[in-house]
């Protein structure tokens, strides 16, 4: 994982429309640090998002908005954005592993726990998954319960279902997500 320069602390945010409702994009310096849905569990207070921009301007907000538009139009399976995910080392490990779940596919919490070398930590994996600060792009929606049930999505089960159906409908499903943070 490449070293990420220390943050200056200057944050900006904007809100973009999507088929899942409004998405709040949060940037710190040149990095995307948040993508939140309305009424999302673990969504920080808006005062932590910094200055609100009326339009997605400058890196990385404009590029994030463009790539999300392509994703929802069915023209993009992977994202190539500068991300900074703030969390514990365990959370970072889980979030990096989420990016290895192929587009259009799902893994169980148990499989994700095994993948990171912690087979008995499926509950802890679930908690880390739920605190993912960059939804959609770091695809926490691709994790399901042991029986395949759509459980535990901070944006709501209906949004999770919609994202999975969207991805499964694309003809080239199977590409791996690239996340560098």
N, C-alpha and C. Protein backbone atom coordinates (compact mmCIF):
# COMPACT_ATOMS: atom_id res chain seq x y z
N UNK A 1 0.86 -1.17 0.00
CA UNK A 1 0.00 0.00 0.00
C UNK A 1 0.90 1.24 0.00
N UNK A 2 0.72 2.13 -0.97
CA UNK A 2 1.57 3.32 -1.03
C UNK A 2 1.31 4.25 0.14
N UNK A 3 2.35 4.96 0.55
CA UNK A 3 2.20 5.93 1.64
C UNK A 3 1.34 7.09 1.17
N UNK A 4 0.44 7.51 2.02
CA UNK A 4 -0.43 8.64 1.72
C UNK A 4 0.07 9.84 2.51
N UNK A 5 0.28 10.97 1.83
CA UNK A 5 0.77 12.15 2.55
C UNK A 5 -0.19 12.56 3.66
N UNK A 6 0.36 13.15 4.68
CA UNK A 6 -0.43 13.63 5.82
C UNK A 6 -1.43 14.68 5.35
N UNK A 7 -2.61 14.62 5.91
CA UNK A 7 -3.69 15.53 5.53
C UNK A 7 -3.47 16.93 6.08
N UNK A 8 -3.88 17.90 5.29
CA UNK A 8 -3.83 19.29 5.78
C UNK A 8 -5.07 19.61 6.59
N UNK A 9 -6.10 18.81 6.40
CA UNK A 9 -7.33 19.02 7.13
C UNK A 9 -8.38 19.81 6.39
N UNK A 10 -8.10 20.32 5.19
CA UNK A 10 -9.09 21.08 4.43
C UNK A 10 -10.07 20.11 3.77
N UNK A 11 -11.30 20.21 4.20
CA UNK A 11 -12.34 19.33 3.67
C UNK A 11 -13.37 20.13 2.89
N UNK A 12 -13.88 19.50 1.85
CA UNK A 12 -15.00 20.04 1.08
C UNK A 12 -15.94 18.89 0.78
N UNK A 13 -17.17 19.23 0.48
CA UNK A 13 -18.12 18.19 0.10
C UNK A 13 -19.14 18.74 -0.88
N UNK A 14 -19.80 17.80 -1.54
CA UNK A 14 -20.87 18.14 -2.46
C UNK A 14 -21.86 16.99 -2.44
N UNK A 15 -23.03 17.24 -2.98
CA UNK A 15 -24.06 16.21 -3.05
C UNK A 15 -24.39 15.99 -4.52
N UNK A 16 -24.40 14.72 -4.93
CA UNK A 16 -24.75 14.37 -6.30
C UNK A 16 -25.93 13.42 -6.28
N UNK A 17 -26.71 13.46 -7.33
CA UNK A 17 -27.84 12.55 -7.46
C UNK A 17 -27.39 11.19 -7.95
N UNK A 18 -28.19 10.18 -7.63
CA UNK A 18 -27.93 8.81 -8.10
C UNK A 18 -29.23 8.03 -8.03
N UNK A 19 -29.28 6.87 -8.67
CA UNK A 19 -30.46 6.02 -8.54
C UNK A 19 -30.72 5.57 -7.11
N UNK A 20 -29.71 5.67 -6.24
CA UNK A 20 -29.85 5.30 -4.82
C UNK A 20 -30.19 6.50 -3.96
N UNK A 21 -30.49 7.62 -4.60
CA UNK A 21 -30.76 8.84 -3.86
C UNK A 21 -29.52 9.71 -3.80
N UNK A 22 -29.62 10.85 -3.11
CA UNK A 22 -28.48 11.75 -3.03
C UNK A 22 -27.27 11.09 -2.35
N UNK A 23 -26.09 11.34 -2.91
CA UNK A 23 -24.84 10.84 -2.34
C UNK A 23 -23.99 12.03 -1.95
N UNK A 24 -23.51 12.04 -0.72
CA UNK A 24 -22.62 13.09 -0.25
C UNK A 24 -21.19 12.62 -0.44
N UNK A 25 -20.44 13.38 -1.22
CA UNK A 25 -19.04 13.09 -1.48
C UNK A 25 -18.20 14.03 -0.63
N UNK A 26 -17.23 13.49 0.11
CA UNK A 26 -16.40 14.29 1.00
C UNK A 26 -14.95 14.12 0.59
N UNK A 27 -14.26 15.26 0.41
CA UNK A 27 -12.85 15.24 0.05
C UNK A 27 -12.03 15.92 1.13
N UNK A 28 -10.82 15.42 1.29
CA UNK A 28 -9.83 16.08 2.14
C UNK A 28 -8.57 16.18 1.29
N UNK A 29 -8.16 17.41 1.05
CA UNK A 29 -7.04 17.66 0.15
C UNK A 29 -7.40 17.07 -1.21
N UNK A 30 -6.58 16.20 -1.75
CA UNK A 30 -6.82 15.62 -3.08
C UNK A 30 -7.44 14.22 -3.00
N UNK A 31 -7.92 13.83 -1.83
CA UNK A 31 -8.41 12.47 -1.62
C UNK A 31 -9.90 12.44 -1.31
N UNK A 32 -10.57 11.42 -1.81
CA UNK A 32 -11.95 11.15 -1.42
C UNK A 32 -11.89 10.43 -0.08
N UNK A 33 -12.57 10.96 0.92
CA UNK A 33 -12.56 10.32 2.24
C UNK A 33 -13.94 9.85 2.67
N UNK A 34 -14.97 10.20 1.89
CA UNK A 34 -16.31 9.77 2.27
C UNK A 34 -17.26 9.77 1.10
N UNK A 35 -18.16 8.80 1.11
CA UNK A 35 -19.30 8.76 0.20
C UNK A 35 -20.45 8.20 1.04
N UNK A 36 -21.41 9.06 1.34
CA UNK A 36 -22.48 8.70 2.25
C UNK A 36 -23.85 8.86 1.60
N UNK A 37 -24.75 7.95 1.94
CA UNK A 37 -26.14 8.02 1.49
C UNK A 37 -26.97 8.74 2.55
N UNK A 38 -28.13 9.18 2.15
CA UNK A 38 -29.06 9.79 3.11
C UNK A 38 -29.44 8.75 4.16
N UNK A 39 -29.56 9.18 5.39
CA UNK A 39 -29.98 8.33 6.51
C UNK A 39 -29.13 7.08 6.65
N UNK A 40 -27.87 7.19 6.31
CA UNK A 40 -26.95 6.06 6.42
C UNK A 40 -26.50 5.90 7.85
N UNK A 41 -26.47 4.66 8.29
CA UNK A 41 -25.94 4.35 9.62
C UNK A 41 -24.45 4.72 9.63
N UNK A 42 -23.95 5.23 10.69
CA UNK A 42 -22.55 5.65 10.87
C UNK A 42 -22.17 6.84 9.99
N UNK A 43 -23.16 7.58 9.51
CA UNK A 43 -22.87 8.80 8.74
C UNK A 43 -22.45 9.89 9.72
N UNK A 44 -21.28 10.50 9.51
CA UNK A 44 -20.87 11.58 10.42
C UNK A 44 -21.81 12.78 10.31
N UNK A 45 -21.75 13.63 11.30
CA UNK A 45 -22.51 14.87 11.25
C UNK A 45 -21.96 15.72 10.11
N UNK A 46 -22.86 16.41 9.42
CA UNK A 46 -22.46 17.21 8.26
C UNK A 46 -21.41 18.26 8.60
N UNK A 47 -21.33 18.68 9.83
CA UNK A 47 -20.32 19.67 10.21
C UNK A 47 -18.89 19.13 10.02
N UNK A 48 -18.74 17.82 9.95
CA UNK A 48 -17.42 17.22 9.74
C UNK A 48 -17.03 17.17 8.27
N UNK A 49 -17.95 17.55 7.37
CA UNK A 49 -17.70 17.43 5.93
C UNK A 49 -16.98 18.62 5.32
N UNK A 50 -16.86 19.70 6.05
CA UNK A 50 -16.21 20.89 5.49
C UNK A 50 -17.15 21.71 4.63
N UNK A 51 -16.55 22.63 3.89
CA UNK A 51 -17.32 23.56 3.04
C UNK A 51 -18.14 22.78 1.99
N UNK A 52 -19.39 23.19 1.85
CA UNK A 52 -20.23 22.56 0.83
C UNK A 52 -20.09 23.32 -0.49
N UNK A 53 -19.76 22.57 -1.52
CA UNK A 53 -19.66 23.13 -2.86
C UNK A 53 -20.96 22.85 -3.60
N UNK A 54 -21.50 23.83 -4.33
CA UNK A 54 -22.77 23.62 -5.02
C UNK A 54 -22.67 22.59 -6.16
N UNK A 55 -21.49 22.46 -6.72
CA UNK A 55 -21.23 21.49 -7.80
C UNK A 55 -19.96 20.73 -7.45
N UNK A 56 -19.84 19.48 -7.94
CA UNK A 56 -18.58 18.77 -7.71
C UNK A 56 -17.46 19.43 -8.50
N UNK A 57 -16.56 20.09 -7.82
CA UNK A 57 -15.49 20.83 -8.47
C UNK A 57 -14.13 20.37 -7.96
N UNK A 58 -13.17 20.36 -8.84
CA UNK A 58 -11.81 20.03 -8.48
C UNK A 58 -11.64 18.58 -8.10
N UNK A 59 -10.36 18.19 -8.03
CA UNK A 59 -10.10 16.80 -7.64
C UNK A 59 -10.35 16.65 -6.14
N UNK A 60 -10.86 15.55 -5.71
CA UNK A 60 -11.33 14.43 -6.49
C UNK A 60 -12.84 14.43 -6.72
N UNK A 61 -13.53 15.49 -6.27
CA UNK A 61 -15.00 15.48 -6.31
C UNK A 61 -15.55 15.39 -7.73
N UNK A 62 -15.02 16.18 -8.65
CA UNK A 62 -15.53 16.15 -10.02
C UNK A 62 -15.30 14.79 -10.66
N UNK A 63 -14.12 14.24 -10.43
CA UNK A 63 -13.81 12.92 -11.02
C UNK A 63 -14.66 11.82 -10.38
N UNK A 64 -14.90 11.91 -9.10
CA UNK A 64 -15.76 10.93 -8.42
C UNK A 64 -17.17 10.99 -8.99
N UNK A 65 -17.70 12.20 -9.14
CA UNK A 65 -19.05 12.35 -9.71
C UNK A 65 -19.12 11.77 -11.11
N UNK A 66 -18.08 12.01 -11.92
CA UNK A 66 -18.06 11.48 -13.29
C UNK A 66 -18.03 9.95 -13.29
N UNK A 67 -17.19 9.38 -12.46
CA UNK A 67 -17.08 7.92 -12.43
C UNK A 67 -18.35 7.27 -11.86
N UNK A 68 -18.97 7.91 -10.89
CA UNK A 68 -20.25 7.39 -10.37
C UNK A 68 -21.33 7.43 -11.44
N UNK A 69 -21.36 8.50 -12.20
CA UNK A 69 -22.34 8.61 -13.29
C UNK A 69 -22.13 7.47 -14.29
N UNK A 70 -20.89 7.19 -14.64
CA UNK A 70 -20.59 6.09 -15.56
C UNK A 70 -20.99 4.74 -14.95
N UNK A 71 -20.71 4.57 -13.67
CA UNK A 71 -21.08 3.33 -12.97
C UNK A 71 -22.59 3.11 -13.03
N UNK A 72 -23.35 4.12 -12.66
CA UNK A 72 -24.80 3.96 -12.64
C UNK A 72 -25.39 3.86 -14.04
N UNK A 73 -24.69 4.36 -15.06
CA UNK A 73 -25.14 4.22 -16.44
C UNK A 73 -24.77 2.85 -17.01
N UNK A 74 -24.02 2.05 -16.25
CA UNK A 74 -23.63 0.72 -16.72
C UNK A 74 -22.38 0.71 -17.57
N UNK A 75 -21.62 1.80 -17.55
CA UNK A 75 -20.42 1.90 -18.38
C UNK A 75 -19.12 1.75 -17.59
N UNK A 76 -19.22 1.51 -16.30
CA UNK A 76 -18.01 1.40 -15.47
C UNK A 76 -18.24 0.33 -14.41
N UNK A 77 -17.25 -0.56 -14.27
CA UNK A 77 -17.29 -1.58 -13.23
C UNK A 77 -16.31 -1.30 -12.10
N UNK A 78 -15.25 -0.58 -12.40
CA UNK A 78 -14.23 -0.30 -11.40
C UNK A 78 -14.02 1.21 -11.29
N UNK A 79 -13.50 1.62 -10.16
CA UNK A 79 -13.23 3.03 -9.91
C UNK A 79 -11.73 3.22 -9.79
N UNK A 80 -11.26 4.35 -10.26
CA UNK A 80 -9.86 4.70 -10.17
C UNK A 80 -9.77 6.10 -9.58
N UNK A 81 -9.77 6.15 -8.25
CA UNK A 81 -9.83 7.41 -7.54
C UNK A 81 -8.83 7.41 -6.39
N UNK A 82 -8.31 8.58 -6.02
CA UNK A 82 -7.42 8.65 -4.85
C UNK A 82 -8.27 8.62 -3.58
N UNK A 83 -8.13 7.55 -2.82
CA UNK A 83 -8.93 7.35 -1.61
C UNK A 83 -8.05 7.47 -0.37
N UNK A 84 -8.66 7.98 0.69
CA UNK A 84 -8.04 7.96 2.02
C UNK A 84 -9.14 7.49 2.96
N UNK A 85 -9.00 6.27 3.46
CA UNK A 85 -9.97 5.71 4.39
C UNK A 85 -9.36 5.74 5.79
N UNK A 86 -9.98 6.47 6.67
CA UNK A 86 -9.50 6.60 8.04
C UNK A 86 -10.16 5.55 8.92
N UNK A 87 -9.36 4.67 9.48
CA UNK A 87 -9.88 3.63 10.35
C UNK A 87 -8.75 2.87 11.00
N UNK A 88 -9.10 1.89 11.80
CA UNK A 88 -8.10 1.06 12.47
C UNK A 88 -7.39 0.18 11.43
N UNK A 89 -6.26 -0.37 11.78
CA UNK A 89 -5.59 -1.29 10.85
C UNK A 89 -6.50 -2.46 10.43
N UNK A 90 -7.29 -2.99 11.37
CA UNK A 90 -8.20 -4.08 11.03
C UNK A 90 -9.26 -3.60 10.03
N UNK A 91 -9.86 -2.45 10.29
CA UNK A 91 -10.85 -1.91 9.36
C UNK A 91 -10.23 -1.70 7.98
N UNK A 92 -9.04 -1.16 7.93
CA UNK A 92 -8.36 -0.93 6.65
C UNK A 92 -8.17 -2.25 5.90
N UNK A 93 -7.82 -3.28 6.63
CA UNK A 93 -7.64 -4.60 6.01
C UNK A 93 -8.94 -5.12 5.42
N UNK A 94 -10.02 -4.96 6.16
CA UNK A 94 -11.34 -5.39 5.68
C UNK A 94 -11.73 -4.57 4.45
N UNK A 95 -11.57 -3.27 4.51
CA UNK A 95 -11.96 -2.41 3.39
C UNK A 95 -11.14 -2.72 2.14
N UNK A 96 -9.85 -3.01 2.31
CA UNK A 96 -9.03 -3.39 1.16
C UNK A 96 -9.54 -4.70 0.56
N UNK A 97 -9.92 -5.64 1.42
CA UNK A 97 -10.43 -6.93 0.94
C UNK A 97 -11.76 -6.77 0.21
N UNK A 98 -12.58 -5.81 0.64
CA UNK A 98 -13.85 -5.58 -0.07
C UNK A 98 -13.61 -5.30 -1.55
N UNK A 99 -12.53 -4.62 -1.82
CA UNK A 99 -12.21 -4.25 -3.20
C UNK A 99 -11.77 -5.43 -4.04
N UNK A 100 -11.57 -6.56 -3.41
CA UNK A 100 -11.20 -7.77 -4.14
C UNK A 100 -12.41 -8.62 -4.51
N UNK A 101 -13.58 -8.24 -4.04
CA UNK A 101 -14.80 -8.96 -4.41
C UNK A 101 -15.16 -8.56 -5.83
N UNK A 102 -15.24 -9.52 -6.74
CA UNK A 102 -15.53 -9.16 -8.13
C UNK A 102 -16.87 -8.44 -8.30
N UNK A 103 -16.88 -7.52 -9.22
CA UNK A 103 -18.10 -6.78 -9.58
C UNK A 103 -19.20 -7.77 -9.95
N UNK A 104 -20.38 -7.55 -9.41
CA UNK A 104 -21.51 -8.41 -9.72
C UNK A 104 -21.58 -9.69 -8.91
N UNK A 105 -20.66 -9.88 -7.99
CA UNK A 105 -20.62 -11.08 -7.17
C UNK A 105 -20.79 -10.70 -5.70
N UNK A 106 -21.02 -11.69 -4.86
CA UNK A 106 -21.10 -11.46 -3.42
C UNK A 106 -20.22 -12.47 -2.69
N UNK A 107 -19.77 -12.07 -1.53
CA UNK A 107 -19.09 -12.95 -0.59
C UNK A 107 -19.86 -12.87 0.72
N UNK A 108 -19.74 -13.91 1.53
CA UNK A 108 -20.33 -13.87 2.87
C UNK A 108 -19.33 -13.20 3.81
N UNK A 109 -19.83 -12.80 4.98
CA UNK A 109 -18.94 -12.24 6.01
C UNK A 109 -17.88 -13.26 6.39
N UNK A 110 -18.27 -14.54 6.46
CA UNK A 110 -17.32 -15.60 6.79
C UNK A 110 -16.23 -15.73 5.74
N UNK A 111 -16.60 -15.67 4.47
CA UNK A 111 -15.60 -15.77 3.40
C UNK A 111 -14.65 -14.57 3.46
N UNK A 112 -15.19 -13.39 3.72
CA UNK A 112 -14.35 -12.20 3.83
C UNK A 112 -13.38 -12.35 5.01
N UNK A 113 -13.88 -12.87 6.13
CA UNK A 113 -13.02 -13.10 7.30
C UNK A 113 -11.91 -14.10 6.96
N UNK A 114 -12.24 -15.17 6.28
CA UNK A 114 -11.23 -16.15 5.86
C UNK A 114 -10.22 -15.50 4.92
N UNK A 115 -10.71 -14.66 4.02
CA UNK A 115 -9.85 -14.01 3.03
C UNK A 115 -8.78 -13.14 3.68
N UNK A 116 -9.11 -12.52 4.80
CA UNK A 116 -8.12 -11.67 5.47
C UNK A 116 -7.32 -12.46 6.52
N UNK A 117 -7.53 -13.78 6.56
CA UNK A 117 -6.76 -14.61 7.48
C UNK A 117 -7.29 -14.64 8.90
N UNK A 118 -8.55 -14.24 9.08
CA UNK A 118 -9.17 -14.22 10.41
C UNK A 118 -10.50 -14.97 10.36
N UNK A 119 -10.48 -16.31 10.12
CA UNK A 119 -11.71 -17.06 9.88
C UNK A 119 -12.75 -17.02 11.00
N UNK A 120 -12.33 -16.72 12.22
CA UNK A 120 -13.30 -16.67 13.32
C UNK A 120 -13.79 -15.25 13.59
N UNK A 121 -13.44 -14.31 12.73
CA UNK A 121 -13.75 -12.90 12.98
C UNK A 121 -14.89 -12.37 12.11
N UNK A 122 -15.84 -13.20 11.74
CA UNK A 122 -16.90 -12.72 10.84
C UNK A 122 -17.72 -11.59 11.46
N UNK A 123 -17.94 -11.61 12.75
CA UNK A 123 -18.68 -10.51 13.38
C UNK A 123 -17.88 -9.21 13.32
N UNK A 124 -16.60 -9.29 13.63
CA UNK A 124 -15.75 -8.10 13.56
C UNK A 124 -15.64 -7.59 12.13
N UNK A 125 -15.60 -8.50 11.18
CA UNK A 125 -15.60 -8.11 9.76
C UNK A 125 -16.89 -7.38 9.44
N UNK A 126 -18.00 -7.88 9.94
CA UNK A 126 -19.29 -7.22 9.72
C UNK A 126 -19.32 -5.81 10.28
N UNK A 127 -18.76 -5.63 11.48
CA UNK A 127 -18.72 -4.30 12.09
C UNK A 127 -17.84 -3.35 11.27
N UNK A 128 -16.68 -3.84 10.82
CA UNK A 128 -15.80 -3.01 10.00
C UNK A 128 -16.47 -2.68 8.67
N UNK A 129 -17.13 -3.66 8.09
CA UNK A 129 -17.84 -3.46 6.82
C UNK A 129 -18.88 -2.36 6.98
N UNK A 130 -19.61 -2.39 8.08
CA UNK A 130 -20.65 -1.40 8.33
C UNK A 130 -20.13 0.01 8.54
N UNK A 131 -18.85 0.14 8.88
CA UNK A 131 -18.27 1.46 9.10
C UNK A 131 -17.47 1.96 7.90
N UNK A 132 -17.59 1.28 6.79
CA UNK A 132 -16.92 1.70 5.56
C UNK A 132 -17.32 3.14 5.24
N UNK A 133 -16.37 4.07 5.16
CA UNK A 133 -16.73 5.47 4.91
C UNK A 133 -16.94 5.82 3.44
N UNK A 134 -16.64 4.89 2.54
CA UNK A 134 -16.77 5.20 1.10
C UNK A 134 -17.62 4.13 0.44
N UNK A 135 -18.93 4.22 0.69
CA UNK A 135 -19.85 3.26 0.11
C UNK A 135 -19.81 3.27 -1.41
N UNK A 136 -20.34 2.25 -2.02
CA UNK A 136 -20.42 2.03 -3.46
C UNK A 136 -19.02 1.81 -4.04
N UNK A 137 -18.11 2.75 -3.88
CA UNK A 137 -16.77 2.66 -4.46
C UNK A 137 -15.95 1.58 -3.76
N UNK A 138 -15.98 1.54 -2.44
CA UNK A 138 -15.44 0.42 -1.67
C UNK A 138 -16.67 -0.43 -1.40
N UNK A 139 -16.84 -1.51 -2.17
CA UNK A 139 -18.13 -2.18 -2.32
C UNK A 139 -18.60 -3.06 -1.16
N UNK A 140 -18.93 -2.43 -0.04
CA UNK A 140 -19.44 -3.17 1.11
C UNK A 140 -20.80 -3.79 0.83
N UNK A 141 -21.49 -3.31 -0.20
CA UNK A 141 -22.79 -3.88 -0.56
C UNK A 141 -22.66 -5.30 -1.10
N UNK A 142 -21.47 -5.75 -1.43
CA UNK A 142 -21.25 -7.09 -1.99
C UNK A 142 -21.10 -8.17 -0.93
N UNK A 143 -21.29 -7.82 0.34
CA UNK A 143 -21.16 -8.80 1.42
C UNK A 143 -22.55 -9.16 1.93
N UNK A 144 -22.80 -10.47 2.01
CA UNK A 144 -24.12 -10.98 2.41
C UNK A 144 -23.97 -11.94 3.58
N UNK A 145 -25.11 -12.29 4.16
CA UNK A 145 -25.12 -13.25 5.27
C UNK A 145 -24.75 -14.65 4.80
N UNK A 146 -24.50 -15.53 5.75
CA UNK A 146 -24.07 -16.90 5.46
C UNK A 146 -25.06 -17.64 4.57
N UNK A 147 -26.35 -17.30 4.69
CA UNK A 147 -27.37 -17.96 3.89
C UNK A 147 -27.69 -17.18 2.60
N UNK A 148 -26.89 -16.15 2.31
CA UNK A 148 -27.12 -15.34 1.12
C UNK A 148 -28.07 -14.18 1.33
N UNK A 149 -28.58 -14.04 2.56
CA UNK A 149 -29.53 -12.96 2.85
C UNK A 149 -28.84 -11.60 2.78
N UNK A 150 -29.59 -10.61 2.31
CA UNK A 150 -29.07 -9.24 2.23
C UNK A 150 -29.22 -8.60 3.60
N UNK A 151 -28.16 -8.70 4.38
CA UNK A 151 -28.18 -8.19 5.75
C UNK A 151 -27.15 -7.10 5.93
N UNK A 152 -27.32 -6.31 6.96
CA UNK A 152 -26.29 -5.42 7.45
C UNK A 152 -25.77 -4.35 6.53
N UNK A 153 -26.60 -3.67 5.79
CA UNK A 153 -26.09 -2.60 4.93
C UNK A 153 -26.48 -1.26 5.52
N UNK A 154 -25.48 -0.42 5.78
CA UNK A 154 -25.70 0.88 6.40
C UNK A 154 -26.61 1.79 5.61
N UNK A 155 -26.67 1.60 4.29
CA UNK A 155 -27.53 2.42 3.44
C UNK A 155 -28.94 1.87 3.32
N UNK A 156 -29.21 0.72 3.95
CA UNK A 156 -30.52 0.10 3.89
C UNK A 156 -30.53 -1.08 2.91
N UNK A 157 -31.31 -2.10 3.25
CA UNK A 157 -31.35 -3.32 2.46
C UNK A 157 -31.86 -3.06 1.04
N UNK A 158 -32.81 -2.14 0.87
CA UNK A 158 -33.32 -1.87 -0.48
C UNK A 158 -32.24 -1.28 -1.37
N UNK A 159 -31.42 -0.41 -0.83
CA UNK A 159 -30.31 0.14 -1.63
C UNK A 159 -29.29 -0.95 -1.96
N UNK A 160 -29.02 -1.81 -0.99
CA UNK A 160 -28.09 -2.92 -1.22
C UNK A 160 -28.61 -3.80 -2.36
N UNK A 161 -29.88 -4.13 -2.29
CA UNK A 161 -30.50 -4.96 -3.34
C UNK A 161 -30.38 -4.26 -4.69
N UNK A 162 -30.66 -2.97 -4.73
CA UNK A 162 -30.61 -2.22 -5.99
C UNK A 162 -29.19 -2.20 -6.56
N UNK A 163 -28.19 -2.00 -5.71
CA UNK A 163 -26.81 -1.98 -6.19
C UNK A 163 -26.40 -3.35 -6.73
N UNK A 164 -26.76 -4.41 -6.03
CA UNK A 164 -26.42 -5.75 -6.50
C UNK A 164 -27.14 -6.09 -7.81
N UNK A 165 -28.41 -5.74 -7.91
CA UNK A 165 -29.15 -5.99 -9.15
C UNK A 165 -28.55 -5.20 -10.30
N UNK A 166 -28.17 -3.96 -10.04
CA UNK A 166 -27.53 -3.13 -11.06
C UNK A 166 -26.25 -3.81 -11.57
N UNK A 167 -25.41 -4.27 -10.65
CA UNK A 167 -24.15 -4.89 -11.05
C UNK A 167 -24.37 -6.21 -11.77
N UNK A 168 -25.31 -6.99 -11.33
CA UNK A 168 -25.56 -8.30 -11.97
C UNK A 168 -26.16 -8.15 -13.36
N UNK A 169 -26.77 -7.02 -13.62
CA UNK A 169 -27.40 -6.81 -14.93
C UNK A 169 -26.38 -6.47 -16.01
N UNK A 170 -25.17 -6.08 -15.61
CA UNK A 170 -24.16 -5.71 -16.60
C UNK A 170 -23.57 -6.97 -17.23
N UNK A 171 -23.34 -6.96 -18.53
CA UNK A 171 -22.89 -8.16 -19.23
C UNK A 171 -21.52 -8.66 -18.83
N UNK A 172 -20.62 -7.80 -18.43
CA UNK A 172 -19.24 -8.22 -18.17
C UNK A 172 -18.96 -8.38 -16.68
N UNK A 173 -19.98 -8.73 -15.90
CA UNK A 173 -19.78 -8.85 -14.47
C UNK A 173 -18.63 -9.81 -14.18
N UNK A 174 -17.81 -9.45 -13.22
CA UNK A 174 -16.69 -10.30 -12.83
C UNK A 174 -15.39 -9.53 -12.68
N UNK A 175 -15.35 -8.30 -13.11
CA UNK A 175 -14.12 -7.50 -12.98
C UNK A 175 -13.83 -7.22 -11.52
N UNK A 176 -12.58 -7.15 -11.19
CA UNK A 176 -12.19 -6.83 -9.81
C UNK A 176 -12.04 -5.33 -9.65
N UNK A 177 -12.45 -4.88 -8.52
CA UNK A 177 -12.35 -3.46 -8.15
C UNK A 177 -10.91 -3.14 -7.78
N UNK A 178 -10.45 -1.97 -8.10
CA UNK A 178 -9.12 -1.54 -7.70
C UNK A 178 -9.27 -0.44 -6.66
N UNK A 179 -8.80 -0.69 -5.47
CA UNK A 179 -8.81 0.35 -4.42
C UNK A 179 -7.39 0.52 -3.94
N UNK A 180 -6.95 1.74 -3.94
CA UNK A 180 -5.64 2.05 -3.39
C UNK A 180 -5.85 3.12 -2.33
N UNK A 181 -5.56 2.79 -1.09
CA UNK A 181 -5.68 3.75 0.00
C UNK A 181 -4.69 3.45 1.08
